Amino acid sequence: MGKFEIKTRKNGDFQFDLKAGNGQVILTSEGYTSKGACQNGIESVKRNSKDDSKFERKTSTNDKPYFNLKASNGQVIGTSEMYENESSRENGIESVKKNAPEAEVSDLT
């Protein structure tokens, strides 16, 4: 089972990582100025990760596939790591879909 980890960045902002059952980070959030906003971001991931159309499949400038998860308003709520190929990116998306909806939240702040 996956889990969300809330952390504090060096600049004082909050961010979360979604980790798969094996502990690998599969999605990272933007920075939030408050813990409450960060927690709202987690709830948004839980809701939106069930909908494949919310996953934006992209390719970086160095040709590495990755994805963004977007909220209903189009705002990016999480970004993946860079993958070696599109198949690995699809596996990452499936992992978010599987892990996010029921993931527990661990506050490391």
PDB file of N, CA and C in Angstrom:
ATOM      1  N   MET A   1       0.847  -1.184   0.000  1.00  0.00           N
ATOM      2  CA  MET A   1       0.000   0.000   0.000  1.00  0.00           C
ATOM      3  C   MET A   1       0.889   1.243   0.000  1.00  0.00           C
ATOM      4  N   GLY A   2       0.488   2.220  -0.760  1.00  0.00           N
ATOM      5  CA  GLY A   2       1.257   3.461  -0.857  1.00  0.00           C
ATOM      6  C   GLY A   2       1.008   4.377   0.321  1.00  0.00           C
ATOM      7  N   LYS A   3       1.828   5.434   0.384  1.00  0.00           N
ATOM      8  CA  LYS A   3       1.585   6.443   1.416  1.00  0.00           C
ATOM      9  C   LYS A   3       2.090   7.800   0.941  1.00  0.00           C
ATOM     10  N   PHE A   4       1.420   8.815   1.457  1.00  0.00           N
ATOM     11  CA  PHE A   4       1.835  10.201   1.238  1.00  0.00           C
ATOM     12  C   PHE A   4       2.715  10.608   2.416  1.00  0.00           C
ATOM     13  N   GLU A   5       3.810  11.301   2.103  1.00  0.00           N
ATOM     14  CA  GLU A   5       4.657  11.855   3.150  1.00  0.00           C
ATOM     15  C   GLU A   5       4.699  13.365   2.984  1.00  0.00           C
ATOM     16  N   ILE A   6       4.312  14.070   4.040  1.00  0.00           N
ATOM     17  CA  ILE A   6       4.383  15.540   4.053  1.00  0.00           C
ATOM     18  C   ILE A   6       5.725  15.933   4.649  1.00  0.00           C
ATOM     19  N   LYS A   7       6.442  16.805   3.937  1.00  0.00           N
ATOM     20  CA  LYS A   7       7.763  17.263   4.383  1.00  0.00           C
ATOM     21  C   LYS A   7       7.822  18.781   4.310  1.00  0.00           C
ATOM     22  N   THR A   8       8.816  19.345   4.983  1.00  0.00           N
ATOM     23  CA  THR A   8       9.077  20.780   4.904  1.00  0.00           C
ATOM     24  C   THR A   8      10.311  20.996   4.034  1.00  0.00           C
ATOM     25  N   ARG A   9      10.197  21.900   3.061  1.00  0.00           N
ATOM     26  CA  ARG A   9      11.344  22.253   2.220  1.00  0.00           C
ATOM     27  C   ARG A   9      12.263  23.201   2.977  1.00  0.00           C
ATOM     28  N   LYS A  10      13.458  23.395   2.453  1.00  0.00           N
ATOM     29  CA  LYS A  10      14.423  24.299   3.097  1.00  0.00           C
ATOM     30  C   LYS A  10      13.891  25.723   3.213  1.00  0.00           C
ATOM     31  N   ASN A  11      13.035  26.136   2.265  1.00  0.00           N
ATOM     32  CA  ASN A  11      12.493  27.499   2.303  1.00  0.00           C
ATOM     33  C   ASN A  11      11.253  27.624   3.200  1.00  0.00           C
ATOM     34  N   GLY A  12      10.878  26.531   3.882  1.00  0.00           N
ATOM     35  CA  GLY A  12       9.734  26.566   4.785  1.00  0.00           C
ATOM     36  C   GLY A  12       8.426  26.120   4.162  1.00  0.00           C
ATOM     37  N   ASP A  13       8.390  25.962   2.843  1.00  0.00           N
ATOM     38  CA  ASP A  13       7.178  25.463   2.187  1.00  0.00           C
ATOM     39  C   ASP A  13       6.974  23.985   2.523  1.00  0.00           C
ATOM     40  N   PHE A  14       5.742  23.528   2.334  1.00  0.00           N
ATOM     41  CA  PHE A  14       5.397  22.122   2.538  1.00  0.00           C
ATOM     42  C   PHE A  14       5.262  21.451   1.177  1.00  0.00           C
ATOM     43  N   GLN A  15       5.613  20.180   1.114  1.00  0.00           N
ATOM     44  CA  GLN A  15       5.386  19.398  -0.098  1.00  0.00           C
ATOM     45  C   GLN A  15       5.052  17.981   0.317  1.00  0.00           C
ATOM     46  N   PHE A  16       4.455  17.232  -0.599  1.00  0.00           N
ATOM     47  CA  PHE A  16       4.223  15.820  -0.323  1.00  0.00           C
ATOM     48  C   PHE A  16       4.818  14.981  -1.439  1.00  0.00           C
ATOM     49  N   ASP A  17       5.191  13.767  -1.056  1.00  0.00           N
ATOM     50  CA  ASP A  17       5.584  12.730  -2.001  1.00  0.00           C
ATOM     51  C   ASP A  17       4.593  11.595  -1.837  1.00  0.00           C
ATOM     52  N   LEU A  18       4.196  10.993  -2.942  1.00  0.00           N
ATOM     53  CA  LEU A  18       3.439   9.751  -2.908  1.00  0.00           C
ATOM     54  C   LEU A  18       4.434   8.638  -3.166  1.00  0.00           C
ATOM     55  N   LYS A  19       4.502   7.699  -2.226  1.00  0.00           N
ATOM     56  CA  LYS A  19       5.419   6.579  -2.358  1.00  0.00           C
ATOM     57  C   LYS A  19       4.628   5.295  -2.581  1.00  0.00           C
ATOM     58  N   ALA A  20       5.153   4.451  -3.461  1.00  0.00           N
ATOM     59  CA  ALA A  20       4.563   3.131  -3.691  1.00  0.00           C
ATOM     60  C   ALA A  20       4.874   2.234  -2.494  1.00  0.00           C
ATOM     61  N   GLY A  21       4.288   1.055  -2.472  1.00  0.00           N
ATOM     62  CA  GLY A  21       4.507   0.117  -1.381  1.00  0.00           C
ATOM     63  C   GLY A  21       5.967  -0.238  -1.172  1.00  0.00           C
ATOM     64  N   ASN A  22       6.785  -0.158  -2.241  1.00  0.00           N
ATOM     65  CA  ASN A  22       8.209  -0.483  -2.140  1.00  0.00           C
ATOM     66  C   ASN A  22       9.045   0.716  -1.682  1.00  0.00           C
ATOM     67  N   GLY A  23       8.386   1.844  -1.384  1.00  0.00           N
ATOM     68  CA  GLY A  23       9.075   3.027  -0.886  1.00  0.00           C
ATOM     69  C   GLY A  23       9.558   3.983  -1.956  1.00  0.00           C
ATOM     70  N   GLN A  24       9.375   3.631  -3.228  1.00  0.00           N
ATOM     71  CA  GLN A  24       9.819   4.498  -4.320  1.00  0.00           C
ATOM     72  C   GLN A  24       8.850   5.676  -4.489  1.00  0.00           C
ATOM     73  N   VAL A  25       9.404   6.881  -4.657  1.00  0.00           N
ATOM     74  CA  VAL A  25       8.579   8.074  -4.893  1.00  0.00           C
ATOM     75  C   VAL A  25       8.006   7.992  -6.309  1.00  0.00           C
ATOM     76  N   ILE A  26       6.680   8.093  -6.418  1.00  0.00           N
ATOM     77  CA  ILE A  26       6.034   8.032  -7.729  1.00  0.00           C
ATOM     78  C   ILE A  26       5.363   9.340  -8.126  1.00  0.00           C
ATOM     79  N   LEU A  27       5.230  10.266  -7.181  1.00  0.00           N
ATOM     80  CA  LEU A  27       4.634  11.566  -7.484  1.00  0.00           C
ATOM     81  C   LEU A  27       5.095  12.572  -6.433  1.00  0.00           C
ATOM     82  N   THR A  28       5.461  13.772  -6.874  1.00  0.00           N
ATOM     83  CA  THR A  28       5.906  14.833  -5.968  1.00  0.00           C
ATOM     84  C   THR A  28       5.091  16.086  -6.239  1.00  0.00           C
ATOM     85  N   SER A  29       4.711  16.773  -5.179  1.00  0.00           N
ATOM     86  CA  SER A  29       3.889  17.976  -5.318  1.00  0.00           C
ATOM     87  C   SER A  29       4.742  19.213  -5.525  1.00  0.00           C
ATOM     88  N   GLU A  30       4.045  20.292  -5.811  1.00  0.00           N
ATOM     89  CA  GLU A  30       4.646  21.625  -5.792  1.00  0.00           C
ATOM     90  C   GLU A  30       4.852  22.018  -4.330  1.00  0.00           C
ATOM     91  N   GLY A  31       5.401  23.189  -4.097  1.00  0.00           N
ATOM     92  CA  GLY A  31       5.530  23.710  -2.736  1.00  0.00           C
ATOM     93  C   GLY A  31       4.264  24.440  -2.326  1.00  0.00           C
ATOM     94  N   TYR A  32       3.861  24.254  -1.084  1.00  0.00           N
ATOM     95  CA  TYR A  32       2.682  24.925  -0.524  1.00  0.00           C
ATOM     96  C   TYR A  32       3.133  25.782   0.654  1.00  0.00           C
ATOM     97  N   THR A  33       2.520  26.949   0.816  1.00  0.00           N
ATOM     98  CA  THR A  33       2.911  27.840   1.902  1.00  0.00           C
ATOM     99  C   THR A  33       2.314  27.422   3.244  1.00  0.00           C
ATOM    100  N   SER A  34       1.285  26.571   3.232  1.00  0.00           N
ATOM    101  CA  SER A  34       0.704  26.105   4.500  1.00  0.00           C
ATOM    102  C   SER A  34       0.502  24.596   4.454  1.00  0.00           C
ATOM    103  N   LYS A  35       0.521  23.992   5.629  1.00  0.00           N
ATOM    104  CA  LYS A  35       0.295  22.549   5.712  1.00  0.00           C
ATOM    105  C   LYS A  35      -1.123  22.200   5.264  1.00  0.00           C
ATOM    106  N   GLY A  36      -2.082  23.059   5.569  1.00  0.00           N
ATOM    107  CA  GLY A  36      -3.467  22.815   5.159  1.00  0.00           C
ATOM    108  C   GLY A  36      -3.606  22.748   3.649  1.00  0.00           C
ATOM    109  N   ALA A  37      -2.927  23.639   2.953  1.00  0.00           N
ATOM    110  CA  ALA A  37      -2.970  23.620   1.485  1.00  0.00           C
ATOM    111  C   ALA A  37      -2.319  22.344   0.953  1.00  0.00           C
ATOM    112  N   CYS A  38      -1.255  21.900   1.595  1.00  0.00           N
ATOM    113  CA  CYS A  38      -0.580  20.663   1.214  1.00  0.00           C
ATOM    114  C   CYS A  38      -1.531  19.470   1.413  1.00  0.00           C
ATOM    115  N   GLN A  39      -2.233  19.444   2.526  1.00  0.00           N
ATOM    116  CA  GLN A  39      -3.190  18.368   2.797  1.00  0.00           C
ATOM    117  C   GLN A  39      -4.330  18.384   1.779  1.00  0.00           C
ATOM    118  N   ASN A  40      -4.765  19.583   1.370  1.00  0.00           N
ATOM    119  CA  ASN A  40      -5.783  19.687   0.319  1.00  0.00           C
ATOM    120  C   ASN A  40      -5.253  19.124  -0.997  1.00  0.00           C
ATOM    121  N   GLY A  41      -3.965  19.350  -1.275  1.00  0.00           N
ATOM    122  CA  GLY A  41      -3.343  18.795  -2.474  1.00  0.00           C
ATOM    123  C   GLY A  41      -3.372  17.275  -2.466  1.00  0.00           C
ATOM    124  N   ILE A  42      -3.117  16.688  -1.311  1.00  0.00           N
ATOM    125  CA  ILE A  42      -3.176  15.224  -1.177  1.00  0.00           C
ATOM    126  C   ILE A  42      -4.584  14.726  -1.476  1.00  0.00           C
ATOM    127  N   GLU A  43      -5.585  15.389  -0.916  1.00  0.00           N
ATOM    128  CA  GLU A  43      -6.978  14.983  -1.171  1.00  0.00           C
ATOM    129  C   GLU A  43      -7.304  15.104  -2.661  1.00  0.00           C
ATOM    130  N   SER A  44      -6.768  16.116  -3.310  1.00  0.00           N
ATOM    131  CA  SER A  44      -6.982  16.300  -4.746  1.00  0.00           C
ATOM    132  C   SER A  44      -6.348  15.157  -5.537  1.00  0.00           C
ATOM    133  N   VAL A  45      -5.157  14.727  -5.137  1.00  0.00           N
ATOM    134  CA  VAL A  45      -4.513  13.579  -5.797  1.00  0.00           C
ATOM    135  C   VAL A  45      -5.372  12.332  -5.624  1.00  0.00           C
ATOM    136  N   LYS A  46      -5.860  12.111  -4.409  1.00  0.00           N
ATOM    137  CA  LYS A  46      -6.691  10.927  -4.159  1.00  0.00           C
ATOM    138  C   LYS A  46      -7.918  10.912  -5.082  1.00  0.00           C
ATOM    139  N   ARG A  47      -8.545  12.068  -5.253  1.00  0.00           N
ATOM    140  CA  ARG A  47      -9.743  12.162  -6.109  1.00  0.00           C
ATOM    141  C   ARG A  47      -9.396  12.019  -7.590  1.00  0.00           C
ATOM    142  N   ASN A  48      -8.405  12.768  -8.037  1.00  0.00           N
ATOM    143  CA  ASN A  48      -8.119  12.867  -9.466  1.00  0.00           C
ATOM    144  C   ASN A  48      -7.328  11.697 -10.028  1.00  0.00           C
ATOM    145  N   SER A  49      -6.666  10.937  -9.179  1.00  0.00           N
ATOM    146  CA  SER A  49      -5.846   9.828  -9.673  1.00  0.00           C
ATOM    147  C   SER A  49      -6.684   8.684 -10.238  1.00  0.00           C
ATOM    148  N   LYS A  50      -7.961   8.695  -9.991  1.00  0.00           N
ATOM    149  CA  LYS A  50      -8.848   7.644 -10.510  1.00  0.00           C
ATOM    150  C   LYS A  50      -9.222   7.877 -11.969  1.00  0.00           C
ATOM    151  N   ASP A  51      -8.919   9.065 -12.503  1.00  0.00           N
ATOM    152  CA  ASP A  51      -9.351   9.473 -13.843  1.00  0.00           C
ATOM    153  C   ASP A  51      -8.138   9.593 -14.775  1.00  0.00           C
ATOM    154  N   ASP A  52      -8.033   8.684 -15.737  1.00  0.00           N
ATOM    155  CA  ASP A  52      -6.874   8.671 -16.629  1.00  0.00           C
ATOM    156  C   ASP A  52      -6.708   9.976 -17.396  1.00  0.00           C
ATOM    157  N   SER A  53      -7.815  10.665 -17.668  1.00  0.00           N
ATOM    158  CA  SER A  53      -7.725  11.913 -18.444  1.00  0.00           C
ATOM    159  C   SER A  53      -7.027  13.026 -17.659  1.00  0.00           C
ATOM    160  N   LYS A  54      -6.840  12.843 -16.343  1.00  0.00           N
ATOM    161  CA  LYS A  54      -6.164  13.848 -15.521  1.00  0.00           C
ATOM    162  C   LYS A  54      -4.639  13.702 -15.575  1.00  0.00           C
ATOM    163  N   PHE A  55      -4.168  12.629 -16.208  1.00  0.00           N
ATOM    164  CA  PHE A  55      -2.729  12.411 -16.343  1.00  0.00           C
ATOM    165  C   PHE A  55      -2.254  12.990 -17.667  1.00  0.00           C
ATOM    166  N   GLU A  56      -1.342  13.939 -17.581  1.00  0.00           N
ATOM    167  CA  GLU A  56      -0.766  14.587 -18.758  1.00  0.00           C
ATOM    168  C   GLU A  56       0.590  13.934 -19.031  1.00  0.00           C
ATOM    169  N   ARG A  57       0.657  13.211 -20.132  1.00  0.00           N
ATOM    170  CA  ARG A  57       1.898  12.523 -20.504  1.00  0.00           C
ATOM    171  C   ARG A  57       2.787  13.486 -21.270  1.00  0.00           C
ATOM    172  N   LYS A  58       4.019  13.641 -20.791  1.00  0.00           N
ATOM    173  CA  LYS A  58       4.922  14.645 -21.356  1.00  0.00           C
ATOM    174  C   LYS A  58       6.292  14.036 -21.619  1.00  0.00           C
ATOM    175  N   THR A  59       7.114  14.800 -22.338  1.00  0.00           N
ATOM    176  CA  THR A  59       8.505  14.424 -22.584  1.00  0.00           C
ATOM    177  C   THR A  59       9.372  15.631 -22.267  1.00  0.00           C
ATOM    178  N   SER A  60      10.427  15.408 -21.492  1.00  0.00           N
ATOM    179  CA  SER A  60      11.312  16.498 -21.090  1.00  0.00           C
ATOM    180  C   SER A  60      12.197  16.938 -22.256  1.00  0.00           C
ATOM    181  N   THR A  61      12.913  18.014 -22.038  1.00  0.00           N
ATOM    182  CA  THR A  61      13.794  18.543 -23.085  1.00  0.00           C
ATOM    183  C   THR A  61      14.916  17.566 -23.431  1.00  0.00           C
ATOM    184  N   ASN A  62      15.241  16.647 -22.510  1.00  0.00           N
ATOM    185  CA  ASN A  62      16.264  15.645 -22.826  1.00  0.00           C
ATOM    186  C   ASN A  62      15.637  14.297 -23.195  1.00  0.00           C
ATOM    187  N   ASP A  63      14.386  14.366 -23.705  1.00  0.00           N
ATOM    188  CA  ASP A  63      13.661  13.203 -24.238  1.00  0.00           C
ATOM    189  C   ASP A  63      13.326  12.119 -23.214  1.00  0.00           C
ATOM    190  N   LYS A  64      13.166  12.497 -21.960  1.00  0.00           N
ATOM    191  CA  LYS A  64      12.754  11.542 -20.925  1.00  0.00           C
ATOM    192  C   LYS A  64      11.247  11.680 -20.695  1.00  0.00           C
ATOM    193  N   PRO A  65      10.505  10.574 -20.788  1.00  0.00           N
ATOM    194  CA  PRO A  65       9.065  10.634 -20.511  1.00  0.00           C
ATOM    195  C   PRO A  65       8.798  10.872 -19.025  1.00  0.00           C
ATOM    196  N   TYR A  66       7.744  11.631 -18.747  1.00  0.00           N
ATOM    197  CA  TYR A  66       7.266  11.837 -17.373  1.00  0.00           C
ATOM    198  C   TYR A  66       5.800  12.210 -17.463  1.00  0.00           C
ATOM    199  N   PHE A  67       5.157  12.407 -16.315  1.00  0.00           N
ATOM    200  CA  PHE A  67       3.751  12.810 -16.333  1.00  0.00           C
ATOM    201  C   PHE A  67       3.454  13.804 -15.224  1.00  0.00           C
ATOM    202  N   ASN A  68       2.402  14.578 -15.464  1.00  0.00           N
ATOM    203  CA  ASN A  68       1.810  15.449 -14.454  1.00  0.00           C
ATOM    204  C   ASN A  68       0.418  14.931 -14.167  1.00  0.00           C
ATOM    205  N   LEU A  69      -0.012  15.067 -12.924  1.00  0.00           N
ATOM    206  CA  LEU A  69      -1.404  14.819 -12.558  1.00  0.00           C
ATOM    207  C   LEU A  69      -2.043  16.178 -12.344  1.00  0.00           C
ATOM    208  N   LYS A  70      -3.169  16.396 -13.015  1.00  0.00           N
ATOM    209  CA  LYS A  70      -3.830  17.696 -12.939  1.00  0.00           C
ATOM    210  C   LYS A  70      -5.168  17.603 -12.218  1.00  0.00           C
ATOM    211  N   ALA A  71      -5.510  18.689 -11.547  1.00  0.00           N
ATOM    212  CA  ALA A  71      -6.814  18.806 -10.888  1.00  0.00           C
ATOM    213  C   ALA A  71      -7.866  19.179 -11.924  1.00  0.00           C
ATOM    214  N   SER A  72      -9.117  19.196 -11.508  1.00  0.00           N
ATOM    215  CA  SER A  72     -10.222  19.535 -12.412  1.00  0.00           C
ATOM    216  C   SER A  72     -10.065  20.924 -13.023  1.00  0.00           C
ATOM    217  N   ASN A  73      -9.399  21.839 -12.294  1.00  0.00           N
ATOM    218  CA  ASN A  73      -9.210  23.198 -12.799  1.00  0.00           C
ATOM    219  C   ASN A  73      -7.996  23.313 -13.727  1.00  0.00           C
ATOM    220  N   GLY A  74      -7.321  22.179 -13.986  1.00  0.00           N
ATOM    221  CA  GLY A  74      -6.178  22.180 -14.890  1.00  0.00           C
ATOM    222  C   GLY A  74      -4.841  22.433 -14.219  1.00  0.00           C
ATOM    223  N   GLN A  75      -4.857  22.718 -12.916  1.00  0.00           N
ATOM    224  CA  GLN A  75      -3.609  22.983 -12.191  1.00  0.00           C
ATOM    225  C   GLN A  75      -2.871  21.674 -11.921  1.00  0.00           C
ATOM    226  N   VAL A  76      -1.552  21.698 -12.096  1.00  0.00           N
ATOM    227  CA  VAL A  76      -0.724  20.525 -11.811  1.00  0.00           C
ATOM    228  C   VAL A  76      -0.658  20.330 -10.300  1.00  0.00           C
ATOM    229  N   ILE A  77      -0.994  19.113  -9.840  1.00  0.00           N
ATOM    230  CA  ILE A  77      -0.940  18.823  -8.404  1.00  0.00           C
ATOM    231  C   ILE A  77       0.175  17.838  -8.058  1.00  0.00           C
ATOM    232  N   GLY A  78       0.780  17.245  -9.077  1.00  0.00           N
ATOM    233  CA  GLY A  78       1.897  16.339  -8.829  1.00  0.00           C
ATOM    234  C   GLY A  78       2.639  16.033 -10.117  1.00  0.00           C
ATOM    235  N   THR A  79       3.931  15.793  -9.987  1.00  0.00           N
ATOM    236  CA  THR A  79       4.789  15.484 -11.127  1.00  0.00           C
ATOM    237  C   THR A  79       5.589  14.231 -10.810  1.00  0.00           C
ATOM    238  N   SER A  80       5.776  13.400 -11.815  1.00  0.00           N
ATOM    239  CA  SER A  80       6.532  12.157 -11.642  1.00  0.00           C
ATOM    240  C   SER A  80       8.025  12.388 -11.793  1.00  0.00           C
ATOM    241  N   GLU A  81       8.772  11.329 -11.585  1.00  0.00           N
ATOM    242  CA  GLU A  81      10.191  11.316 -11.917  1.00  0.00           C
ATOM    243  C   GLU A  81      10.332  11.239 -13.440  1.00  0.00           C
ATOM    244  N   MET A  82      11.552  11.315 -13.921  1.00  0.00           N
ATOM    245  CA  MET A  82      11.833  11.104 -15.340  1.00  0.00           C
ATOM    246  C   MET A  82      12.036   9.604 -15.558  1.00  0.00           C
ATOM    247  N   TYR A  83      11.431   9.086 -16.614  1.00  0.00           N
ATOM    248  CA  TYR A  83      11.529   7.660 -16.915  1.00  0.00           C
ATOM    249  C   TYR A  83      12.413   7.433 -18.138  1.00  0.00           C
ATOM    250  N   GLU A  84      12.895   6.210 -18.265  1.00  0.00           N
ATOM    251  CA  GLU A  84      13.750   5.857 -19.397  1.00  0.00           C
ATOM    252  C   GLU A  84      12.947   5.643 -20.680  1.00  0.00           C
ATOM    253  N   ASN A  85      11.669   5.235 -20.537  1.00  0.00           N
ATOM    254  CA  ASN A  85      10.851   4.983 -21.720  1.00  0.00           C
ATOM    255  C   ASN A  85       9.374   5.173 -21.392  1.00  0.00           C
ATOM    256  N   GLU A  86       8.543   5.183 -22.434  1.00  0.00           N
ATOM    257  CA  GLU A  86       7.110   5.429 -22.259  1.00  0.00           C
ATOM    258  C   GLU A  86       6.428   4.300 -21.492  1.00  0.00           C
ATOM    259  N   SER A  87       6.899   3.083 -21.670  1.00  0.00           N
ATOM    260  CA  SER A  87       6.326   1.949 -20.953  1.00  0.00           C
ATOM    261  C   SER A  87       6.507   2.116 -19.442  1.00  0.00           C
ATOM    262  N   SER A  88       7.691   2.552 -19.035  1.00  0.00           N
ATOM    263  CA  SER A  88       7.939   2.797 -17.605  1.00  0.00           C
ATOM    264  C   SER A  88       7.059   3.928 -17.090  1.00  0.00           C
ATOM    265  N   ARG A  89       6.864   4.968 -17.909  1.00  0.00           N
ATOM    266  CA  ARG A  89       5.976   6.071 -17.513  1.00  0.00           C
ATOM    267  C   ARG A  89       4.561   5.544 -17.290  1.00  0.00           C
ATOM    268  N   GLU A  90       4.075   4.683 -18.186  1.00  0.00           N
ATOM    269  CA  GLU A  90       2.725   4.122 -18.029  1.00  0.00           C
ATOM    270  C   GLU A  90       2.628   3.288 -16.754  1.00  0.00           C
ATOM    271  N   ASN A  91       3.690   2.557 -16.432  1.00  0.00           N
ATOM    272  CA  ASN A  91       3.710   1.799 -15.178  1.00  0.00           C
ATOM    273  C   ASN A  91       3.631   2.744 -13.980  1.00  0.00           C
ATOM    274  N   GLY A  92       4.305   3.903 -14.074  1.00  0.00           N
ATOM    275  CA  GLY A  92       4.236   4.905 -13.013  1.00  0.00           C
ATOM    276  C   GLY A  92       2.834   5.446 -12.832  1.00  0.00           C
ATOM    277  N   ILE A  93       2.150   5.724 -13.942  1.00  0.00           N
ATOM    278  CA  ILE A  93       0.764   6.205 -13.888  1.00  0.00           C
ATOM    279  C   ILE A  93      -0.132   5.157 -13.227  1.00  0.00           C
ATOM    280  N   GLU A  94       0.030   3.902 -13.634  1.00  0.00           N
ATOM    281  CA  GLU A  94      -0.778   2.829 -13.042  1.00  0.00           C
ATOM    282  C   GLU A  94      -0.504   2.703 -11.544  1.00  0.00           C
ATOM    283  N   SER A  95       0.731   2.922 -11.143  1.00  0.00           N
ATOM    284  CA  SER A  95       1.081   2.855  -9.733  1.00  0.00           C
ATOM    285  C   SER A  95       0.398   3.971  -8.939  1.00  0.00           C
ATOM    286  N   VAL A  96       0.335   5.175  -9.509  1.00  0.00           N
ATOM    287  CA  VAL A  96      -0.379   6.274  -8.845  1.00  0.00           C
ATOM    288  C   VAL A  96      -1.861   5.928  -8.727  1.00  0.00           C
ATOM    289  N   LYS A  97      -2.455   5.434  -9.812  1.00  0.00           N
ATOM    290  CA  LYS A  97      -3.877   5.067  -9.783  1.00  0.00           C
ATOM    291  C   LYS A  97      -4.162   4.018  -8.708  1.00  0.00           C
ATOM    292  N   LYS A  98      -3.247   3.076  -8.559  1.00  0.00           N
ATOM    293  CA  LYS A  98      -3.427   1.987  -7.602  1.00  0.00           C
ATOM    294  C   LYS A  98      -3.188   2.446  -6.168  1.00  0.00           C
ATOM    295  N   ASN A  99      -2.150   3.246  -5.956  1.00  0.00           N
ATOM    296  CA  ASN A  99      -1.724   3.584  -4.595  1.00  0.00           C
ATOM    297  C   ASN A  99      -2.401   4.807  -3.986  1.00  0.00           C
ATOM    298  N   ALA A 100      -2.667   5.829  -4.785  1.00  0.00           N
ATOM    299  CA  ALA A 100      -3.118   7.113  -4.225  1.00  0.00           C
ATOM    300  C   ALA A 100      -4.468   7.073  -3.516  1.00  0.00           C
ATOM    301  N   PRO A 101      -5.516   6.441  -4.103  1.00  0.00           N
ATOM    302  CA  PRO A 101      -6.841   6.583  -3.492  1.00  0.00           C
ATOM    303  C   PRO A 101      -6.938   6.149  -2.039  1.00  0.00           C
ATOM    304  N   GLU A 102      -6.216   5.118  -1.630  1.00  0.00           N
ATOM    305  CA  GLU A 102      -6.317   4.595  -0.261  1.00  0.00           C
ATOM    306  C   GLU A 102      -5.054   4.835   0.562  1.00  0.00           C
ATOM    307  N   ALA A 103      -4.126   5.619   0.048  1.00  0.00           N
ATOM    308  CA  ALA A 103      -2.839   5.813   0.732  1.00  0.00           C
ATOM    309  C   ALA A 103      -3.022   6.535   2.062  1.00  0.00           C
ATOM    310  N   GLU A 104      -2.258   6.096   3.050  1.00  0.00           N
ATOM    311  CA  GLU A 104      -2.245   6.790   4.339  1.00  0.00           C
ATOM    312  C   GLU A 104      -1.360   8.021   4.213  1.00  0.00           C
ATOM    313  N   VAL A 105      -1.504   8.942   5.159  1.00  0.00           N
ATOM    314  CA  VAL A 105      -0.713  10.164   5.157  1.00  0.00           C
ATOM    315  C   VAL A 105       0.200  10.159   6.369  1.00  0.00           C
ATOM    316  N   SER A 106       1.485  10.376   6.117  1.00  0.00           N
ATOM    317  CA  SER A 106       2.479  10.433   7.181  1.00  0.00           C
ATOM    318  C   SER A 106       3.056  11.843   7.211  1.00  0.00           C
ATOM    319  N   ASP A 107       2.911  12.517   8.334  1.00  0.00           N
ATOM    320  CA  ASP A 107       3.385  13.899   8.481  1.00  0.00           C
ATOM    321  C   ASP A 107       4.782  13.874   9.082  1.00  0.00           C
ATOM    322  N   LEU A 108       5.788  14.218   8.261  1.00  0.00           N
ATOM    323  CA  LEU A 108       7.177  14.197   8.702  1.00  0.00           C
ATOM    324  C   LEU A 108       7.687  15.572   9.105  1.00  0.00           C
ATOM    325  N   THR A 109       6.784  16.559   9.224  1.00  0.00           N
ATOM    326  CA  THR A 109       7.210  17.927   9.553  1.00  0.00           C
ATOM    327  C   THR A 109       7.476  18.074  11.037  1.00  0.00           C
TER     328      THR A 109
END
